[in-house]
Amino acid sequence: MSEYDKVRTGKLVLKGEKSRPKKRKSKKQEKEQETTVEDKDTLTHGGWWKVKNVAEVTGTVAVEFGNQTYMKALDNGLFTLGAPHAEGESPSPEEILTAFPVSETKVALKSGYGKYLGVDKNGVVIGRSDAVGSIEQWEPIFQDGKLAILNNTGCFMSVTNDDDIVCQSRTAGSSEFVVIRSIIQRSQSPSRDIPKEEQGSITEVEVNYVRKFQKFQDKKLRINKSDRSELEKAKTEGNLHETLLDRRSKMKADRYCK
């Protein structure tokens, strides 16, 4: 490269000419530009948009490794990386999964063969289960604009050099970074999919359910005063309703309790 090429060129400024300050983009312009970029990305992927939080990981989804290559289910219960798609193409039927919320942070994934995704003893991702246990629970971790999917084993979903889908690494790197895409209509607000009784703090949630199911005519609330840390744990593990019912039954405050 010549010395000339190393010189950065710019606008010619005449002597005595005042430089004009750059106009800052309004928030509306920045939002419009961001929306345009998002729309272009969605169109490139056949209408499948990129999810940005756990609440959006529900219904029909696809897991994208790299650029327009998706995790694909095989008829033997294993998974591999599908062939690259052309611009504007949607995922193939074998690359489409169904996501179900398990808790506020975890989801279950079901393949097109009707089986839930889990991990075998060798750390290989498999889809052979008819029910959701601890090994079939996945936690999408969003951080710094990146996403990795953590299993209850403490390892992240990743793709090998042979295009096999495994869950063996306890740290997230380039092989573990994915994009989850959805085709369902976006909710205007994440809270729309959360039952009214479960909106608010864990204390408010318990009060809401006691008020909903109480059997006393005097309308006085019988709230269990024991430690609510068990509720936080139950919420994470996906058995909040059972724990709430157990706490109400101890107070004989639920019309469905025996």
Protein backbone atom coordinates (compact mmCIF):
# COMPACT_ATOMS: atom_id res chain seq x y z
CA MET A 1 0.00 0.00 0.00
CA SER A 2 1.41 3.43 -0.94
CA GLU A 3 1.76 6.28 1.51
CA TYR A 4 -1.05 8.02 -0.33
CA ASP A 5 -3.41 5.15 0.36
CA LYS A 6 -2.70 5.44 4.05
CA VAL A 7 -4.03 9.00 4.19
CA ARG A 8 -7.65 9.17 5.19
CA THR A 9 -9.68 11.28 2.80
CA GLY A 10 -12.50 13.48 3.97
CA LYS A 11 -14.52 16.52 3.13
CA LEU A 12 -12.47 19.48 1.91
CA VAL A 13 -12.54 22.28 4.48
CA LEU A 14 -11.65 25.76 3.23
CA LYS A 15 -9.69 28.14 5.38
CA GLY A 16 -11.99 30.28 7.45
CA GLU A 17 -14.97 28.06 6.86
CA LYS A 18 -16.79 27.07 10.01
CA SER A 19 -17.47 23.38 10.39
CA ARG A 20 -21.10 22.60 10.90
CA PRO A 21 -22.00 20.38 13.84
CA LYS A 22 -23.37 17.01 12.86
CA LYS A 23 -27.11 16.67 13.28
CA ARG A 24 -28.05 14.09 15.83
CA LYS A 25 -30.70 11.60 14.84
CA SER A 26 -33.91 11.88 16.77
CA LYS A 27 -35.07 8.92 18.80
CA LYS A 28 -37.86 8.45 16.26
CA GLN A 29 -35.33 8.24 13.40
CA GLU A 30 -33.15 5.81 15.36
CA LYS A 31 -36.18 3.64 16.11
CA GLU A 32 -37.23 3.68 12.44
CA GLN A 33 -33.71 2.67 11.38
CA GLU A 34 -33.63 -0.14 13.96
CA THR A 35 -37.03 -1.38 12.84
CA THR A 36 -35.86 -1.40 9.24
CA VAL A 37 -32.84 -3.54 10.14
CA GLU A 38 -35.04 -5.95 12.10
CA ASP A 39 -37.56 -6.19 9.28
CA LYS A 40 -34.79 -6.91 6.76
CA ASP A 41 -33.43 -9.68 9.00
CA THR A 42 -36.92 -11.16 9.33
CA LEU A 43 -37.51 -11.06 5.57
CA THR A 44 -34.12 -12.68 4.96
CA HIS A 45 -35.20 -15.58 7.16
CA GLY A 46 -38.58 -16.11 5.51
CA GLY A 47 -40.60 -14.16 8.08
CA TRP A 48 -39.00 -15.79 11.13
CA TRP A 49 -38.00 -13.11 13.63
CA LYS A 50 -35.27 -13.16 16.26
CA VAL A 51 -36.47 -13.57 19.86
CA LYS A 52 -34.91 -11.27 22.43
CA ASN A 53 -36.14 -12.63 25.77
CA VAL A 54 -37.36 -15.83 27.40
CA ALA A 55 -41.01 -14.76 27.28
CA GLU A 56 -40.84 -14.84 23.47
CA VAL A 57 -39.56 -18.45 23.40
CA THR A 58 -42.97 -20.06 23.01
CA GLY A 59 -44.91 -21.77 20.25
CA THR A 60 -43.32 -22.47 16.87
CA VAL A 61 -39.55 -21.80 16.92
CA ALA A 62 -36.29 -22.80 15.20
CA VAL A 63 -32.73 -22.81 16.58
CA GLU A 64 -30.25 -21.19 14.20
CA PHE A 65 -26.52 -21.92 14.37
CA GLY A 66 -24.44 -19.57 12.21
CA ASN A 67 -26.26 -17.95 9.29
CA GLN A 68 -29.50 -19.54 8.04
CA THR A 69 -28.55 -23.05 9.14
CA TYR A 70 -30.86 -24.63 11.69
CA MET A 71 -30.86 -27.54 14.12
CA LYS A 72 -32.57 -30.46 12.38
CA ALA A 73 -34.34 -33.47 13.95
CA LEU A 74 -33.56 -36.94 12.62
CA ASP A 75 -35.96 -39.89 12.78
CA ASN A 76 -33.64 -41.74 15.18
CA GLY A 77 -34.03 -39.10 17.88
CA LEU A 78 -30.72 -37.34 17.22
CA PHE A 79 -30.10 -33.85 15.88
CA THR A 80 -27.76 -32.40 13.28
CA LEU A 81 -27.19 -29.11 11.50
CA GLY A 82 -29.41 -28.75 8.45
CA ALA A 83 -28.31 -27.56 5.02
CA PRO A 84 -27.88 -23.79 4.50
CA HIS A 85 -30.99 -21.95 3.35
CA ALA A 86 -31.12 -19.33 0.61
CA GLU A 87 -32.12 -15.77 1.44
CA GLY A 88 -35.85 -15.55 2.12
CA GLU A 89 -36.28 -19.27 2.85
CA SER A 90 -38.00 -20.54 5.99
CA PRO A 91 -36.73 -23.44 8.11
CA SER A 92 -37.64 -26.92 6.84
CA PRO A 93 -40.31 -28.96 8.72
CA GLU A 94 -37.58 -31.10 10.40
CA GLU A 95 -35.97 -27.89 11.69
CA ILE A 96 -39.10 -26.61 13.40
CA LEU A 97 -39.61 -27.09 17.14
CA THR A 98 -42.40 -26.25 19.58
CA ALA A 99 -41.45 -24.40 22.76
CA PHE A 100 -43.41 -24.62 26.04
CA PRO A 101 -42.76 -22.37 29.07
CA VAL A 102 -41.79 -24.41 32.15
CA SER A 103 -41.05 -21.46 34.42
CA GLU A 104 -40.13 -17.79 34.04
CA THR A 105 -36.61 -18.77 32.95
CA LYS A 106 -36.91 -22.27 31.45
CA VAL A 107 -38.65 -23.88 28.50
CA ALA A 108 -39.23 -27.36 27.10
CA LEU A 109 -38.67 -28.05 23.39
CA LYS A 110 -40.53 -30.64 21.32
CA SER A 111 -39.40 -31.87 17.91
CA GLY A 112 -41.62 -32.44 14.88
CA TYR A 113 -41.60 -36.13 15.83
CA GLY A 114 -43.54 -35.30 18.99
CA LYS A 115 -40.68 -35.94 21.44
CA TYR A 116 -39.16 -33.61 24.02
CA LEU A 117 -35.50 -32.64 23.71
CA GLY A 118 -33.13 -33.80 26.42
CA VAL A 119 -29.53 -34.90 26.87
CA ASP A 120 -28.17 -38.46 27.14
CA LYS A 121 -25.36 -39.63 29.43
CA ASN A 122 -22.75 -38.75 26.79
CA GLY A 123 -23.94 -35.18 26.47
CA VAL A 124 -25.64 -35.71 23.11
CA VAL A 125 -28.89 -33.83 22.48
CA ILE A 126 -31.73 -36.31 21.87
CA GLY A 127 -35.45 -36.08 21.27
CA ARG A 128 -36.95 -39.31 22.63
CA SER A 129 -38.94 -38.37 25.72
CA ASP A 130 -42.73 -38.29 25.98
CA ALA A 131 -42.70 -36.13 29.12
CA VAL A 132 -40.78 -33.24 30.62
CA GLY A 133 -38.40 -34.01 33.47
CA SER A 134 -35.43 -32.04 34.75
CA ILE A 135 -33.23 -33.18 31.85
CA GLU A 136 -35.77 -31.84 29.31
CA GLN A 137 -35.65 -28.30 30.69
CA TRP A 138 -33.66 -25.61 28.86
CA GLU A 139 -32.73 -22.09 29.94
CA PRO A 140 -32.10 -19.49 27.19
CA ILE A 141 -29.36 -17.16 28.46
CA PHE A 142 -29.39 -13.69 26.84
CA GLN A 143 -26.27 -11.59 27.45
CA ASP A 144 -24.51 -8.79 25.54
CA GLY A 145 -26.64 -9.36 22.45
CA LYS A 146 -25.79 -13.07 22.34
CA LEU A 147 -27.81 -16.16 23.23
CA ALA A 148 -26.80 -19.60 24.49
CA ILE A 149 -29.13 -22.40 25.63
CA LEU A 150 -28.30 -24.00 28.99
CA ASN A 151 -29.52 -27.45 29.99
CA ASN A 152 -30.18 -28.59 33.58
CA THR A 153 -26.93 -30.59 33.32
CA GLY A 154 -25.06 -27.27 33.49
CA CYS A 155 -23.86 -27.51 29.88
CA PHE A 156 -24.74 -25.44 26.83
CA MET A 157 -26.19 -26.69 23.56
CA SER A 158 -23.60 -26.51 20.76
CA VAL A 159 -22.68 -27.84 17.32
CA THR A 160 -19.59 -29.98 16.66
CA ASN A 161 -17.28 -29.94 13.64
CA ASP A 162 -19.27 -32.93 12.34
CA ASP A 163 -22.51 -30.90 12.59
CA ASP A 164 -23.82 -32.98 15.52
CA ILE A 165 -25.85 -31.17 18.19
CA VAL A 166 -24.47 -31.83 21.67
CA CYS A 167 -24.58 -30.39 25.17
CA GLN A 168 -21.09 -30.83 26.64
CA SER A 169 -19.54 -27.41 27.30
CA ARG A 170 -19.93 -25.60 30.62
CA THR A 171 -18.94 -22.29 29.02
CA ALA A 172 -20.47 -20.51 26.04
CA GLY A 173 -18.33 -19.69 22.99
CA SER A 174 -18.86 -19.31 19.28
CA SER A 175 -20.02 -22.93 18.91
CA GLU A 176 -22.67 -22.38 21.59
CA PHE A 177 -24.05 -19.04 20.37
CA VAL A 178 -27.41 -19.45 18.65
CA VAL A 179 -30.41 -17.47 17.49
CA ILE A 180 -33.90 -18.65 18.35
CA ARG A 181 -36.39 -17.60 15.69
CA SER A 182 -40.18 -17.53 15.94
CA ILE A 183 -42.96 -17.35 13.37
CA ILE A 184 -45.85 -16.61 15.75
CA GLN A 185 -47.33 -13.14 15.97
CA ARG A 186 -45.44 -10.98 18.41
CA SER A 187 -47.20 -9.93 21.60
CA GLN A 188 -47.52 -6.22 22.22
CA SER A 189 -46.45 -6.79 25.82
CA PRO A 190 -44.66 -9.78 27.41
CA SER A 191 -47.06 -9.64 30.37
CA ARG A 192 -50.02 -10.40 28.09
CA ASP A 193 -49.07 -14.08 28.13
CA ILE A 194 -48.69 -14.14 31.92
CA PRO A 195 -51.90 -14.86 33.92
CA LYS A 196 -53.19 -11.84 35.81
CA GLU A 197 -52.76 -13.69 39.12
CA GLU A 198 -49.04 -14.21 38.45
CA GLN A 199 -48.16 -10.59 37.70
CA GLY A 200 -46.33 -8.80 40.51
CA SER A 201 -44.08 -9.91 43.36
CA ILE A 202 -44.17 -13.45 44.78
CA THR A 203 -46.09 -12.10 47.79
CA GLU A 204 -48.69 -10.49 45.53
CA VAL A 205 -48.97 -13.73 43.53
CA GLU A 206 -49.78 -15.73 46.66
CA VAL A 207 -52.36 -13.17 47.77
CA ASN A 208 -53.93 -13.22 44.31
CA TYR A 209 -54.38 -16.99 44.38
CA VAL A 210 -55.67 -17.03 47.96
CA ARG A 211 -58.23 -14.39 46.98
CA LYS A 212 -59.20 -16.39 43.89
CA PHE A 213 -59.70 -19.74 45.62
CA GLN A 214 -60.62 -18.83 49.20
CA LYS A 215 -63.68 -20.62 50.61
CA PHE A 216 -64.53 -18.35 53.55
CA GLN A 217 -67.66 -16.22 53.36
CA ASP A 218 -66.20 -13.43 55.50
CA LYS A 219 -63.73 -12.62 52.68
CA LYS A 220 -60.86 -12.42 55.16
CA LEU A 221 -57.63 -13.67 53.64
CA ARG A 222 -55.83 -16.57 55.34
CA ILE A 223 -52.23 -16.15 54.18
CA ASN A 224 -49.54 -18.66 55.10
CA LYS A 225 -46.91 -16.72 57.07
CA SER A 226 -44.08 -19.22 56.65
CA ASP A 227 -40.94 -18.42 54.65
CA ARG A 228 -41.71 -17.57 51.02
CA SER A 229 -38.29 -18.63 49.75
CA GLU A 230 -39.87 -21.98 48.85
CA LEU A 231 -42.13 -20.08 46.43
CA GLU A 232 -39.16 -18.46 44.69
CA LYS A 233 -37.58 -21.89 44.32
CA ALA A 234 -40.82 -23.42 43.06
CA LYS A 235 -41.23 -20.62 40.52
CA THR A 236 -37.78 -21.38 39.11
CA GLU A 237 -38.37 -25.14 39.06
CA GLY A 238 -41.77 -24.84 37.40
CA ASN A 239 -44.01 -26.17 40.21
CA LEU A 240 -45.30 -22.88 41.62
CA HIS A 241 -48.99 -23.80 41.48
CA GLU A 242 -48.50 -27.02 43.42
CA THR A 243 -46.53 -25.21 46.14
CA LEU A 244 -49.12 -22.44 46.39
CA LEU A 245 -51.89 -25.04 46.75
CA ASP A 246 -49.92 -26.85 49.46
CA ARG A 247 -49.47 -23.60 51.40
CA ARG A 248 -53.20 -22.81 51.11
CA SER A 249 -54.17 -26.32 52.19
CA LYS A 250 -52.21 -25.89 55.43
CA MET A 251 -54.35 -22.82 56.14
CA LYS A 252 -57.52 -24.70 55.07
CA ALA A 253 -58.12 -21.67 52.86
CA ASP A 254 -58.74 -23.31 49.49
CA ARG A 255 -62.11 -24.60 48.30
CA TYR A 256 -60.35 -27.34 46.32
CA CYS A 257 -58.48 -28.71 49.35
CA LYS A 258 -59.76 -31.90 50.95
